[in-house]
Protein backbone atom coordinates (compact mmCIF):
# COMPACT_ATOMS: atom_id res chain seq x y z
CA MET A 1 -15.29 23.76 -22.00
CA LEU A 2 -17.88 22.20 -19.71
CA PHE A 3 -17.61 22.99 -16.00
CA GLU A 4 -19.85 21.01 -13.64
CA VAL A 5 -20.24 20.47 -9.92
CA TRP A 6 -22.59 18.60 -7.58
CA ALA A 7 -23.97 21.02 -4.98
CA PRO A 8 -27.47 19.73 -4.08
CA HIS A 9 -28.22 22.22 -1.32
CA ALA A 10 -27.09 25.38 -3.12
CA HIS A 11 -29.58 27.91 -4.49
CA ARG A 12 -27.00 29.63 -6.72
CA VAL A 13 -23.64 28.49 -8.02
CA THR A 14 -21.16 30.77 -9.76
CA LEU A 15 -18.13 29.74 -11.78
CA ASP A 16 -15.06 31.88 -11.07
CA LEU A 17 -12.72 31.50 -14.08
CA SER A 18 -9.49 33.50 -14.27
CA GLY A 19 -11.02 36.30 -12.23
CA ARG A 20 -14.31 36.56 -14.11
CA SER A 21 -17.64 35.20 -12.92
CA ALA A 22 -20.29 33.28 -14.81
CA PRO A 23 -23.57 31.92 -13.42
CA MET A 24 -24.10 28.17 -13.59
CA ASP A 25 -27.39 26.50 -14.46
CA PRO A 26 -29.04 23.52 -12.80
CA ASP A 27 -28.69 20.39 -14.90
CA PRO A 28 -32.26 19.27 -15.72
CA SER A 29 -31.20 15.63 -16.12
CA ARG A 30 -29.14 15.30 -12.91
CA ALA A 31 -30.54 16.47 -9.61
CA GLY A 32 -28.15 18.66 -7.65
CA TRP A 33 -25.74 19.24 -10.54
CA TRP A 34 -24.80 22.66 -11.93
CA THR A 35 -23.13 23.32 -15.29
CA ALA A 36 -21.63 26.11 -17.37
CA ARG A 37 -19.78 26.25 -20.71
CA GLU A 38 -16.96 28.78 -21.01
CA GLU A 39 -13.81 29.23 -23.08
CA ALA A 40 -10.78 28.06 -21.09
CA ALA A 41 -7.20 27.00 -21.64
CA PRO A 42 -4.79 24.79 -19.67
CA GLY A 43 -3.49 26.66 -16.65
CA ASP A 44 -6.56 28.87 -16.22
CA ARG A 45 -7.56 29.03 -12.55
CA TYR A 46 -11.15 28.27 -11.61
CA GLY A 47 -13.41 27.51 -8.68
CA PHE A 48 -17.03 27.62 -7.58
CA ALA A 49 -18.91 30.01 -5.27
CA LEU A 50 -22.02 28.65 -3.58
CA ASP A 51 -24.78 31.12 -2.73
CA ASP A 52 -22.44 34.10 -3.17
CA GLY A 53 -19.90 32.66 -0.72
CA GLN A 54 -16.14 32.38 -1.12
CA VAL A 55 -14.63 30.68 -4.16
CA LEU A 56 -13.91 27.03 -3.41
CA PRO A 57 -11.79 24.54 -5.36
CA ASP A 58 -13.59 22.05 -7.60
CA PRO A 59 -14.03 18.75 -5.70
CA ARG A 60 -13.05 17.01 -8.96
CA ALA A 61 -10.15 19.31 -9.80
CA ARG A 62 -7.39 17.37 -11.55
CA ARG A 63 -4.73 19.95 -10.72
CA LEU A 64 -4.36 22.23 -7.68
CA PRO A 65 -1.14 24.14 -8.42
CA ASP A 66 -1.49 26.55 -5.50
CA GLY A 67 -2.49 24.00 -2.88
CA PRO A 68 -5.69 22.15 -2.01
CA GLU A 69 -7.43 25.17 -0.51
CA ARG A 70 -6.92 27.39 -3.57
CA PRO A 71 -8.67 27.33 -6.96
CA GLY A 72 -7.82 24.55 -9.35
CA ALA A 73 -6.29 24.82 -12.79
CA VAL A 74 -7.62 23.58 -16.11
CA VAL A 75 -5.51 20.67 -17.36
CA ASP A 76 -5.76 18.36 -20.36
CA LEU A 77 -4.47 14.97 -19.25
CA THR A 78 -5.14 13.47 -22.68
CA ALA A 79 -2.47 15.72 -24.21
CA PHE A 80 0.43 13.92 -22.49
CA PRO A 81 2.86 12.46 -25.08
CA TRP A 82 3.18 8.85 -23.88
CA ARG A 83 6.43 7.33 -25.18
CA HIS A 84 6.11 3.71 -24.13
CA PRO A 85 3.20 1.47 -25.20
CA TRP A 86 1.95 -0.56 -22.26
CA SER A 87 -0.07 -3.76 -22.31
CA GLY A 88 -0.18 -4.03 -18.52
CA ARG A 89 1.11 -6.37 -15.83
CA GLY A 90 -1.42 -8.26 -13.71
CA LEU A 91 -1.21 -9.32 -10.08
CA PRO A 92 -0.35 -13.03 -10.61
CA GLY A 93 3.44 -13.32 -10.64
CA ALA A 94 3.95 -9.77 -9.36
CA VAL A 95 6.67 -8.55 -6.98
CA LEU A 96 5.67 -5.20 -5.45
CA TYR A 97 7.93 -2.41 -4.18
CA GLU A 98 6.29 0.09 -1.81
CA THR A 99 7.63 3.60 -2.32
CA HIS A 100 7.02 7.03 -0.81
CA ILE A 101 7.79 9.68 -3.41
CA GLY A 102 8.62 12.33 -0.80
CA THR A 103 11.46 10.31 0.80
CA PHE A 104 12.57 7.94 -1.98
CA THR A 105 15.03 10.69 -2.93
CA PRO A 106 16.12 13.88 -1.12
CA GLU A 107 14.36 15.94 -3.82
CA GLY A 108 11.06 14.18 -3.09
CA THR A 109 9.65 14.47 -6.63
CA PHE A 110 8.34 12.15 -9.33
CA ASP A 111 11.16 13.15 -11.66
CA ALA A 112 13.86 12.42 -9.09
CA ALA A 113 12.24 9.07 -8.28
CA ALA A 114 12.12 8.19 -11.97
CA GLY A 115 15.90 8.45 -12.00
CA ARG A 116 16.05 5.44 -9.65
CA LEU A 117 13.74 3.17 -11.63
CA GLY A 118 16.67 1.42 -13.29
CA HIS A 119 17.68 0.08 -9.88
CA LEU A 120 14.23 -1.45 -9.42
CA ALA A 121 14.26 -3.02 -12.87
CA GLN A 122 17.66 -4.60 -12.15
CA LEU A 123 16.41 -5.80 -8.78
CA GLY A 124 13.67 -7.71 -10.58
CA VAL A 125 10.50 -6.28 -9.02
CA THR A 126 7.53 -5.95 -11.34
CA HIS A 127 5.51 -3.05 -9.89
CA VAL A 128 6.21 0.14 -7.98
CA GLU A 129 3.50 0.70 -5.36
CA LEU A 130 3.28 4.43 -4.66
CA MET A 131 2.00 5.67 -1.35
CA PRO A 132 -0.82 8.26 -1.70
CA VAL A 133 -0.10 11.23 -3.95
CA CYS A 134 -3.32 13.25 -3.62
CA PRO A 135 -2.87 16.85 -2.39
CA PHE A 136 -2.58 17.73 1.28
CA PRO A 137 -1.66 21.05 2.95
CA GLY A 138 2.08 21.67 3.21
CA ARG A 139 4.89 20.00 1.31
CA HIS A 140 5.82 16.83 3.18
CA GLY A 141 3.67 14.09 4.69
CA TRP A 142 2.82 10.43 4.40
CA GLY A 143 -0.08 11.23 2.07
CA TYR A 144 -2.92 9.77 4.14
CA ASP A 145 -4.22 13.25 5.01
CA GLY A 146 -5.10 14.06 1.40
CA VAL A 147 -8.16 16.22 0.77
CA ALA A 148 -8.52 16.20 -3.04
CA PRO A 149 -9.04 12.63 -4.29
CA TRP A 150 -9.01 13.54 -7.99
CA ALA A 151 -5.78 15.55 -8.03
CA VAL A 152 -2.03 15.00 -7.56
CA HIS A 153 0.19 16.69 -4.95
CA GLU A 154 1.83 19.62 -6.69
CA PRO A 155 5.17 19.56 -4.77
CA TYR A 156 5.72 16.03 -6.12
CA GLY A 157 5.25 17.28 -9.69
CA GLY A 158 1.49 17.43 -10.13
CA PRO A 159 -0.47 15.31 -12.61
CA GLU A 160 2.03 15.66 -15.45
CA GLY A 161 4.82 14.63 -13.09
CA LEU A 162 2.90 11.45 -12.26
CA GLN A 163 2.36 10.77 -15.96
CA ARG A 164 6.09 11.21 -16.62
CA PHE A 165 6.90 8.82 -13.76
CA VAL A 166 4.48 6.14 -14.97
CA ASP A 167 5.76 6.47 -18.54
CA ALA A 168 9.35 6.11 -17.33
CA ALA A 169 8.38 3.05 -15.27
CA HIS A 170 6.79 1.47 -18.33
CA GLY A 171 10.01 2.12 -20.21
CA HIS A 172 11.76 -0.08 -17.65
CA GLY A 173 9.07 -2.75 -17.88
CA LEU A 174 7.63 -1.81 -14.49
CA GLY A 175 3.95 -1.48 -13.65
CA VAL A 176 2.67 1.14 -11.22
CA VAL A 177 0.19 0.69 -8.35
CA LEU A 178 -1.20 3.67 -6.43
CA ASP A 179 -2.34 3.72 -2.80
CA VAL A 180 -5.65 5.60 -2.54
CA VAL A 181 -7.58 6.72 0.55
CA HIS A 182 -11.37 6.58 0.36
CA ASN A 183 -12.18 6.05 4.05
CA HIS A 184 -11.56 9.64 5.18
CA LEU A 185 -10.11 13.00 4.17
CA GLY A 186 -7.47 14.93 6.07
CA PRO A 187 -8.23 17.21 9.01
CA SER A 188 -7.23 20.41 7.22
CA GLY A 189 -8.37 21.70 3.83
CA ASN A 190 -11.36 19.39 3.35
CA ARG A 191 -14.07 21.48 1.65
CA LEU A 192 -16.30 18.63 0.48
CA PRO A 193 -18.91 19.24 3.25
CA ASP A 194 -19.45 22.72 1.80
CA PHE A 195 -20.72 21.15 -1.42
CA GLY A 196 -22.94 18.35 -0.19
CA PRO A 197 -23.52 15.38 2.13
CA TYR A 198 -20.15 13.71 1.54
CA PHE A 199 -20.01 12.62 5.21
CA THR A 200 -22.55 11.17 7.62
CA ASP A 201 -22.98 10.80 11.36
CA ARG A 202 -24.73 7.47 10.88
CA HIS A 203 -21.30 5.88 11.29
CA HIS A 204 -18.09 6.98 12.96
CA THR A 205 -14.49 6.14 12.15
CA PRO A 206 -11.17 6.89 13.89
CA TRP A 207 -11.18 10.17 11.97
CA GLY A 208 -14.72 11.23 12.90
CA SER A 209 -17.84 11.18 10.74
CA ALA A 210 -17.78 8.48 8.08
CA VAL A 211 -17.73 8.97 4.32
CA ASN A 212 -21.38 8.84 3.27
CA LEU A 213 -21.77 5.51 1.48
CA ASP A 214 -25.29 4.57 2.56
CA ALA A 215 -27.21 7.66 3.78
CA PRO A 216 -29.26 10.07 1.63
CA GLY A 217 -27.09 11.50 -1.13
CA SER A 218 -24.76 8.51 -1.07
CA ASP A 219 -25.30 7.61 -4.75
CA GLU A 220 -23.32 10.68 -5.76
CA VAL A 221 -20.71 10.21 -3.04
CA ARG A 222 -20.07 6.65 -4.15
CA ALA A 223 -19.83 7.81 -7.76
CA TYR A 224 -17.34 10.48 -6.66
CA PHE A 225 -14.88 8.00 -5.14
CA VAL A 226 -15.40 5.23 -7.71
CA GLY A 227 -14.97 7.81 -10.47
CA SER A 228 -11.75 9.04 -8.90
CA ALA A 229 -10.32 5.51 -8.82
CA LEU A 230 -11.25 4.81 -12.44
CA ALA A 231 -9.86 8.18 -13.55
CA PHE A 232 -6.45 7.43 -12.01
CA LEU A 233 -6.32 4.00 -13.63
CA ARG A 234 -7.35 5.39 -17.02
CA ASP A 235 -5.63 8.78 -17.23
CA PHE A 236 -2.33 7.76 -15.64
CA ARG A 237 -2.18 4.25 -17.14
CA LEU A 238 -1.84 2.66 -13.72
CA ASP A 239 -1.98 -1.10 -13.28
CA GLY A 240 -3.71 -1.25 -9.93
CA LEU A 241 -4.77 0.50 -6.76
CA ARG A 242 -4.13 -0.30 -3.12
CA LEU A 243 -7.19 0.64 -1.04
CA ASP A 244 -6.39 1.98 2.42
CA ALA A 245 -8.14 0.45 5.46
CA VAL A 246 -11.28 -0.77 3.71
CA HIS A 247 -12.65 -2.00 7.05
CA GLU A 248 -13.37 1.67 7.80
CA LEU A 249 -15.67 2.02 4.78
CA ALA A 250 -18.98 1.91 6.62
CA ASP A 251 -21.60 0.78 4.13
CA ASP A 252 -24.89 -0.95 4.98
CA ARG A 253 -26.28 -0.98 1.44
CA ALA A 254 -27.04 -4.27 -0.30
CA GLU A 255 -24.20 -3.70 -2.78
CA HIS A 256 -21.08 -2.67 -0.93
CA VAL A 257 -19.17 0.20 -2.50
CA LEU A 258 -16.15 -2.09 -2.93
CA ALA A 259 -18.20 -4.46 -5.08
CA GLN A 260 -19.34 -1.46 -7.11
CA LEU A 261 -15.73 -0.35 -7.47
CA SER A 262 -14.40 -3.78 -8.45
CA ALA A 263 -17.13 -4.12 -11.08
CA GLY A 264 -16.13 -0.74 -12.49
CA VAL A 265 -12.45 -1.69 -12.56
CA ASP A 266 -13.14 -5.00 -14.29
CA ALA A 267 -15.24 -3.19 -16.90
CA LEU A 268 -12.47 -0.62 -17.44
CA ALA A 269 -9.90 -3.41 -17.86
CA ALA A 270 -12.02 -4.91 -20.63
CA GLU A 271 -12.40 -1.47 -22.22
CA VAL A 272 -8.67 -0.59 -22.25
CA GLY A 273 -7.49 -4.13 -22.99
CA ARG A 274 -5.06 -4.60 -20.13
CA PRO A 275 -5.27 -6.20 -16.67
CA LEU A 276 -6.20 -3.95 -13.76
CA PHE A 277 -6.39 -4.94 -10.11
CA LEU A 278 -7.39 -3.77 -6.63
CA ILE A 279 -5.53 -4.69 -3.44
CA ALA A 280 -7.26 -4.07 -0.12
CA GLU A 281 -5.80 -3.29 3.25
CA SER A 282 -8.32 -4.98 5.54
CA ASP A 283 -8.29 -5.76 9.25
CA ARG A 284 -11.23 -8.17 9.03
CA ASN A 285 -9.58 -11.38 7.78
CA ASP A 286 -12.75 -11.85 5.76
CA PRO A 287 -12.63 -14.21 2.75
CA ARG A 288 -15.42 -12.18 1.14
CA THR A 289 -12.92 -9.39 0.46
CA THR A 290 -11.40 -11.29 -2.46
CA ALA A 291 -14.23 -13.71 -3.22
CA PRO A 292 -15.84 -13.20 -6.65
CA ARG A 293 -18.90 -10.97 -6.79
CA ASP A 294 -21.00 -13.81 -8.21
CA ARG A 295 -20.29 -15.69 -4.97
CA ASN A 296 -21.39 -12.76 -2.82
CA GLY A 297 -17.84 -11.49 -2.45
CA LEU A 298 -16.51 -7.99 -3.01
CA GLY A 299 -14.48 -9.06 -6.04
CA LEU A 300 -11.20 -7.40 -5.05
CA HIS A 301 -8.16 -9.03 -6.57
CA GLY A 302 -5.89 -9.17 -3.52
CA GLN A 303 -5.37 -8.03 0.06
CA TRP A 304 -2.48 -7.32 2.38
CA ASN A 305 -1.80 -10.15 4.82
CA ASP A 306 -0.84 -8.58 8.14
CA ASP A 307 -1.11 -11.96 9.88
CA PHE A 308 1.84 -13.22 7.84
CA HIS A 309 3.81 -10.08 8.68
CA HIS A 310 3.05 -10.29 12.40
CA ALA A 311 4.04 -13.95 12.61
CA LEU A 312 7.24 -13.38 10.66
CA HIS A 313 8.11 -10.25 12.64
CA ALA A 314 7.62 -12.05 15.94
CA ALA A 315 9.79 -14.94 14.72
CA LEU A 316 12.57 -12.63 13.50
CA THR A 317 12.62 -10.12 16.38
CA GLY A 318 11.07 -11.81 19.40
CA GLU A 319 8.83 -8.79 19.96
CA SER A 320 5.58 -9.52 21.74
CA GLN A 321 3.96 -6.16 22.49
CA GLY A 322 0.52 -5.13 21.23
CA TYR A 323 -0.89 -7.19 18.39
CA TYR A 324 2.32 -9.24 18.21
CA ALA A 325 1.29 -10.97 21.46
CA ASP A 326 -1.05 -13.39 19.68
CA PHE A 327 1.77 -14.47 17.37
CA ALA A 328 4.71 -14.37 19.79
CA ARG A 329 3.48 -17.24 21.96
CA ALA A 330 4.64 -19.68 19.28
CA PRO A 331 5.77 -17.65 16.26
CA LEU A 332 6.75 -20.59 14.05
CA ASP A 333 3.37 -22.23 14.71
CA ALA A 334 1.74 -18.95 13.68
CA LEU A 335 3.98 -18.63 10.63
CA ALA A 336 3.17 -22.18 9.52
CA ALA A 337 -0.53 -21.43 9.91
CA THR A 338 -0.40 -18.31 7.74
CA LEU A 339 1.66 -20.03 5.05
CA THR A 340 -0.82 -22.89 4.71
CA ARG A 341 -4.15 -21.25 5.61
CA GLY A 342 -3.50 -17.61 4.69
CA PHE A 343 -4.85 -16.15 7.93
CA PHE A 344 -3.68 -16.99 11.45
CA HIS A 345 -6.85 -15.47 12.88
CA ASP A 346 -9.43 -17.40 10.89
CA GLY A 347 -12.19 -17.80 13.45
CA GLY A 348 -10.21 -18.52 16.61
CA TRP A 349 -9.51 -16.45 19.69
CA SER A 350 -7.52 -13.22 19.52
CA ALA A 351 -6.24 -12.17 22.93
CA PHE A 352 -5.32 -8.75 21.55
CA ARG A 353 -8.93 -8.13 20.50
CA GLY A 354 -10.51 -10.01 23.39
CA ARG A 355 -12.75 -11.96 20.99
CA SER A 356 -12.65 -14.45 18.16
CA HIS A 357 -11.62 -12.99 14.83
CA GLY A 358 -11.64 -13.79 11.10
CA ARG A 359 -12.90 -16.63 8.95
CA ARG A 360 -11.17 -19.52 7.21
CA LEU A 361 -10.14 -19.02 3.60
CA ASP A 362 -11.11 -21.67 1.08
CA PRO A 363 -8.05 -23.89 0.44
CA SER A 364 -8.56 -23.35 -3.29
CA THR A 365 -7.83 -19.62 -2.86
CA PRO A 366 -4.97 -18.56 -5.15
CA ALA A 367 -2.04 -17.69 -2.91
CA TYR A 368 -1.17 -14.62 -4.99
CA ARG A 369 -4.35 -12.93 -3.72
CA LEU A 370 -2.56 -12.39 -0.39
CA VAL A 371 0.32 -9.89 -0.29
CA GLY A 372 3.19 -10.93 2.00
CA TYR A 373 5.91 -8.71 3.46
CA ASP A 374 8.23 -8.32 6.42
CA GLN A 375 8.18 -4.51 6.36
CA THR A 376 5.69 -1.81 5.27
CA HIS A 377 5.31 1.91 5.80
CA ASP A 378 2.87 1.21 8.65
CA GLN A 379 4.97 -1.38 10.46
CA ILE A 380 8.02 0.89 10.38
CA GLY A 381 6.56 4.38 10.61
CA ASN A 382 4.11 3.60 13.40
CA ARG A 383 6.96 2.64 15.70
CA ALA A 384 8.13 5.37 18.07
CA LEU A 385 11.44 5.91 16.25
CA GLY A 386 10.51 4.57 12.83
CA ASP A 387 13.16 1.87 13.10
CA ARG A 388 13.44 -0.65 10.29
CA LEU A 389 14.03 -4.37 10.57
CA ALA A 390 17.74 -3.64 10.05
CA ALA A 391 17.78 -1.84 13.41
CA LEU A 392 16.05 -4.73 15.17
CA THR A 393 17.90 -7.71 13.71
CA GLY A 394 21.21 -8.36 11.98
CA PRO A 395 21.61 -9.07 8.26
CA ARG A 396 21.47 -12.83 8.85
CA ARG A 397 17.89 -12.72 10.09
CA GLN A 398 16.98 -10.18 7.42
CA ALA A 399 18.17 -12.71 4.84
CA VAL A 400 15.92 -15.37 6.36
CA GLY A 401 12.93 -13.02 6.27
CA ALA A 402 13.63 -12.09 2.65
CA ALA A 403 13.68 -15.75 1.58
CA LEU A 404 10.36 -16.48 3.28
CA VAL A 405 8.77 -13.44 1.65
CA LEU A 406 10.24 -13.72 -1.84
CA CYS A 407 10.16 -17.49 -2.23
CA GLY A 408 6.94 -18.06 -0.35
CA PRO A 409 3.44 -18.44 -1.81
CA PHE A 410 2.10 -14.90 -1.46
CA THR A 411 2.60 -11.91 -3.75
CA PRO A 412 5.74 -10.43 -2.19
CA MET A 413 6.19 -6.76 -1.38
CA LEU A 414 9.33 -4.92 -0.31
CA PHE A 415 9.46 -1.53 1.39
CA MET A 416 11.88 0.87 -0.28
CA GLY A 417 15.48 0.31 0.78
CA GLU A 418 15.01 -2.99 2.55
CA GLU A 419 16.69 -4.80 -0.35
CA TRP A 420 20.08 -3.48 0.74
CA GLY A 421 19.32 -3.41 4.46
CA ALA A 422 18.78 0.36 4.68
CA THR A 423 19.31 1.64 8.20
CA THR A 424 17.72 5.06 7.72
CA PRO A 425 14.57 5.28 9.87
CA TRP A 426 11.21 6.00 8.33
CA GLN A 427 9.45 8.21 10.82
CA TYR A 428 6.06 9.84 11.13
CA PHE A 429 6.28 13.37 9.68
CA THR A 430 3.74 16.05 8.85
CA ASP A 431 3.68 19.61 7.53
CA HIS A 432 0.37 20.92 8.83
CA GLN A 433 -0.05 24.63 8.15
CA ASP A 434 -2.59 25.14 10.95
CA PRO A 435 -0.59 25.83 14.16
CA ASP A 436 -3.26 24.35 16.43
CA LEU A 437 -3.46 21.15 14.38
CA ALA A 438 0.33 20.90 14.26
CA GLU A 439 0.55 21.15 18.05
CA ALA A 440 -2.26 18.65 18.52
CA VAL A 441 -0.45 16.11 16.32
CA ARG A 442 2.85 16.70 18.09
CA THR A 443 1.31 16.38 21.55
CA GLY A 444 -0.80 13.37 20.60
CA ARG A 445 2.19 11.49 19.23
CA ARG A 446 4.20 12.06 22.41
CA ARG A 447 1.28 11.17 24.64
CA GLU A 448 0.65 7.94 22.70
CA PHE A 449 4.19 6.65 23.14
CA GLY A 450 4.59 8.16 26.59
CA ALA A 451 1.90 5.72 27.71
CA HIS A 452 4.28 2.94 26.66
CA GLY A 453 7.21 4.25 28.66
CA TRP A 454 8.91 6.54 26.15
CA ALA A 455 10.33 9.85 27.37
CA GLU A 456 8.75 12.84 25.66
CA GLY A 457 12.08 14.08 24.36
CA ASP A 458 12.80 10.76 22.63
CA ILE A 459 9.83 10.99 20.27
CA PRO A 460 10.63 12.78 16.98
CA ASP A 461 8.60 15.91 16.36
CA PRO A 462 6.43 15.17 13.30
CA GLN A 463 6.43 18.86 12.35
CA ASP A 464 10.21 19.26 12.46
CA PRO A 465 11.58 19.22 8.87
CA ALA A 466 14.51 17.18 10.18
CA THR A 467 12.12 14.28 10.86
CA ARG A 468 11.31 14.03 7.17
CA ASP A 469 14.94 14.54 6.20
CA ARG A 470 16.05 11.66 8.45
CA SER A 471 13.50 9.46 6.70
CA CYS A 472 14.96 9.99 3.22
CA LEU A 473 16.74 6.96 1.80
CA GLU A 474 20.52 7.02 1.78
CA TRP A 475 21.34 5.14 -1.38
CA PRO A 476 24.43 2.90 -1.40
CA GLU A 477 27.37 4.40 -3.24
CA GLY A 478 30.61 3.03 -4.58
CA ASP A 479 31.47 -0.18 -6.39
CA ASP A 480 30.89 -2.57 -3.50
CA GLU A 481 27.34 -3.88 -3.74
CA PRO A 482 25.71 -4.62 -0.38
CA TRP A 483 25.45 -8.39 0.12
CA LEU A 484 21.75 -8.19 0.93
CA LEU A 485 21.05 -6.46 -2.40
CA GLY A 486 22.54 -9.36 -4.33
CA TRP A 487 20.64 -11.79 -2.10
CA HIS A 488 17.31 -10.10 -2.85
CA ARG A 489 18.06 -10.01 -6.57
CA ARG A 490 18.88 -13.73 -6.52
CA LEU A 491 15.70 -14.64 -4.65
CA ILE A 492 13.48 -12.64 -6.98
CA ALA A 493 15.10 -14.33 -9.99
CA LEU A 494 14.48 -17.76 -8.46
CA ARG A 495 10.86 -16.88 -7.82
CA GLU A 496 10.34 -15.74 -11.39
CA ARG A 497 11.99 -18.87 -12.80
CA TYR A 498 10.53 -21.60 -10.63
CA LEU A 499 7.46 -20.55 -8.66
CA PRO A 500 4.10 -21.09 -10.42
CA ALA A 501 1.81 -18.07 -10.33
CA ASP A 502 -1.26 -20.28 -9.82
CA LEU A 503 -0.34 -21.86 -6.48
CA THR A 504 -3.26 -22.26 -4.10
CA LEU A 505 -3.24 -22.51 -0.32
CA ALA A 506 -3.97 -26.23 -0.74
CA ASP A 507 -0.65 -26.62 -2.57
CA MET A 508 1.33 -25.41 0.47
CA SER A 509 2.93 -27.58 3.15
CA VAL A 510 5.11 -26.61 6.10
CA ALA A 511 7.16 -28.62 8.60
CA HIS A 512 8.63 -26.92 11.64
CA ASP A 513 9.96 -27.36 15.15
CA GLN A 514 9.02 -24.47 17.40
CA GLU A 515 11.46 -25.45 20.15
CA ALA A 516 14.43 -26.08 17.85
CA GLY A 517 13.67 -23.00 15.76
CA TRP A 518 13.58 -24.42 12.23
CA LEU A 519 10.97 -24.19 9.49
CA VAL A 520 10.68 -25.85 6.07
CA VAL A 521 8.25 -24.35 3.55
CA HIS A 522 7.25 -26.24 0.39
CA ALA A 523 5.78 -23.97 -2.28
CA GLY A 524 5.47 -25.73 -5.62
CA PRO A 525 8.93 -26.88 -6.69
CA LEU A 526 10.67 -24.45 -4.31
CA THR A 527 11.51 -25.28 -0.72
CA VAL A 528 12.76 -22.77 1.83
CA ALA A 529 14.55 -24.26 4.83
CA ALA A 530 15.25 -21.76 7.61
CA ASN A 531 16.93 -21.91 11.01
CA LEU A 532 15.93 -19.04 13.28
CA SER A 533 17.82 -20.28 16.30
CA ALA A 534 20.31 -17.65 17.42
CA ASP A 535 22.99 -20.11 18.52
CA ALA A 536 22.21 -23.73 17.58
CA ARG A 537 22.76 -25.57 14.33
CA ALA A 538 19.58 -27.23 13.04
CA ARG A 539 19.28 -30.63 11.39
CA VAL A 540 16.28 -30.27 9.12
CA PRO A 541 14.45 -33.19 7.48
CA LEU A 542 13.64 -32.48 3.84
CA GLY A 543 11.73 -35.63 2.95
CA GLU A 544 11.97 -37.77 -0.14
CA GLY A 545 13.06 -36.46 -3.53
CA LEU A 546 16.01 -34.93 -5.32
CA TRP A 547 17.07 -31.62 -3.79
CA THR A 548 19.19 -29.04 -5.57
CA PRO A 549 20.39 -26.03 -3.53
CA LEU A 550 19.74 -22.79 -5.41
CA ALA A 551 20.71 -20.15 -2.83
CA ALA A 552 22.16 -20.24 0.67
CA SER A 553 22.69 -17.36 3.06
CA ASP A 554 25.52 -19.26 4.80
CA GLU A 555 28.03 -21.40 2.89
CA LYS A 556 28.30 -23.78 5.86
CA ALA A 557 24.83 -25.15 5.19
CA ALA A 558 25.20 -28.73 3.89
CA ARG A 559 23.44 -32.06 3.50
CA GLU A 560 24.41 -34.53 6.18
CA ALA A 561 24.99 -38.27 5.96
CA ASP A 562 21.44 -39.14 6.99
CA GLY A 563 19.96 -36.85 4.31
CA ARG A 564 19.03 -34.05 6.64
CA LEU A 565 20.03 -30.50 5.89
CA GLY A 566 22.41 -28.93 8.36
CA LEU A 567 21.69 -25.24 8.85
CA PRO A 568 23.95 -22.88 10.83
CA PRO A 569 22.19 -20.48 13.23
CA GLU A 570 20.19 -17.71 11.58
CA SER A 571 20.52 -19.07 8.06
CA VAL A 572 18.32 -20.14 5.18
CA VAL A 573 18.61 -22.26 2.04
CA VAL A 574 16.34 -22.24 -1.01
CA LEU A 575 16.18 -25.59 -2.81
CA LEU A 576 14.60 -27.00 -5.95
CA ARG A 577 12.66 -30.16 -5.25
CA GLU A 578 12.25 -32.81 -7.94
CA ASP A 579 10.14 -35.86 -7.11
């Protein structure tokens, strides 16, 4: 078996394999690389010692059974017995379901989560979007403090557990998307700097020194992260990746690393014969994120649309703190802008930022390239108490939000449990093994929210196991199906049946009355008419055409004599429009 590692500054590198040592030789064809061939079997532990130092885990280890700071284990991912052939599911027409393996079930494992996939198939979603699964110290965490980008968190089930989960999802007709973190590594257990210049002080991020994407040595660093992404797509038969906070990828080179990555993914899709896609989380509101590479774009296939979320959240809850302030001044105006232009901040003033922000998207942009949602892990978990929309509004307003997400133009995404109106919080939890780091996180969390008026004792302790336990979903039991679950299933079915996957922003139109509180969204043949007033019935003009109601959250909604649609407070109707 070939063992290899990039360690450009080392004078000697030794392979430690199952307790025996073997010297490694410099690779004459690749500067900085060291190689050795030794007999090895799956499960054998191995690591590398640089210049007679301690044994370190392989930066490209595919399995770390004893944790990210211990030696890796040999594993043959090609030996997995896949049961379900899979031709892939692309992004157009998708309905995503964001899931955290560690809290989707009390067990917090891939195998336990696979037991709930039948529910998702019946709901009608098309893809499960997994939050990060790369290893981090401890057992429980959100996953964004991972330190081994090629491996899979062992407490979840390790690499074979992920393969079993993906295979089970394919058996239900579900694709799988994985959230990956390339903008930083966690604060504990990161040994990459021991091997080479993986980080640089040329740029700084919220986590410290930036990943080295443009300084000396950056060719290999870029190859490391691009290779990791391609390996997950190939070896685990994933359909796509969500890229965390790409605005923190500091890269001044002529070809941005995201363009390099998207080119690699497109080439891999052609090689394996199935669609593959990349979805960015980006704070820039930059059309270049999803513009084709041949038009000087980055070539990513989609991006999260926080502007849509913020406008919808402000309209549903009335909250106006922080970044919601820009949207809360006239939330229906903001919502109409996002539904027709994609971004609310597309070159105008942002009071929250104290500057202008964003650029206008081309009206021909396919609407599916923007992902729309009314809840995500960030928007719930970054609140002081991790309270969901269900804790902030009643089911009537949740139903309105669901219709605007699921029957609107963007690729919709649900956060686990929202389809039945889950009331369990989803809080910020960690399991740092370093006592000083654990205390720093605990203190920092309380200080952050204390500045906003919260009492220290009200903020959950991230290190307390009870914080994670409170965040586990409580699945509905019994024969009585929650009304919201049926409502979500109905909306997803209507979307699949009627909404074209090739809608563009130019195809969208919205009428609304900010003062009266109503909004009418025309997306292809589907129209969503919503009344967000808390106490007043709305009389909504639909315009010319034949209108067939398909779903109503309140049975008292009805056409009136003058052709307008009468909507009770906090209600929504989905209609089919025929010219």
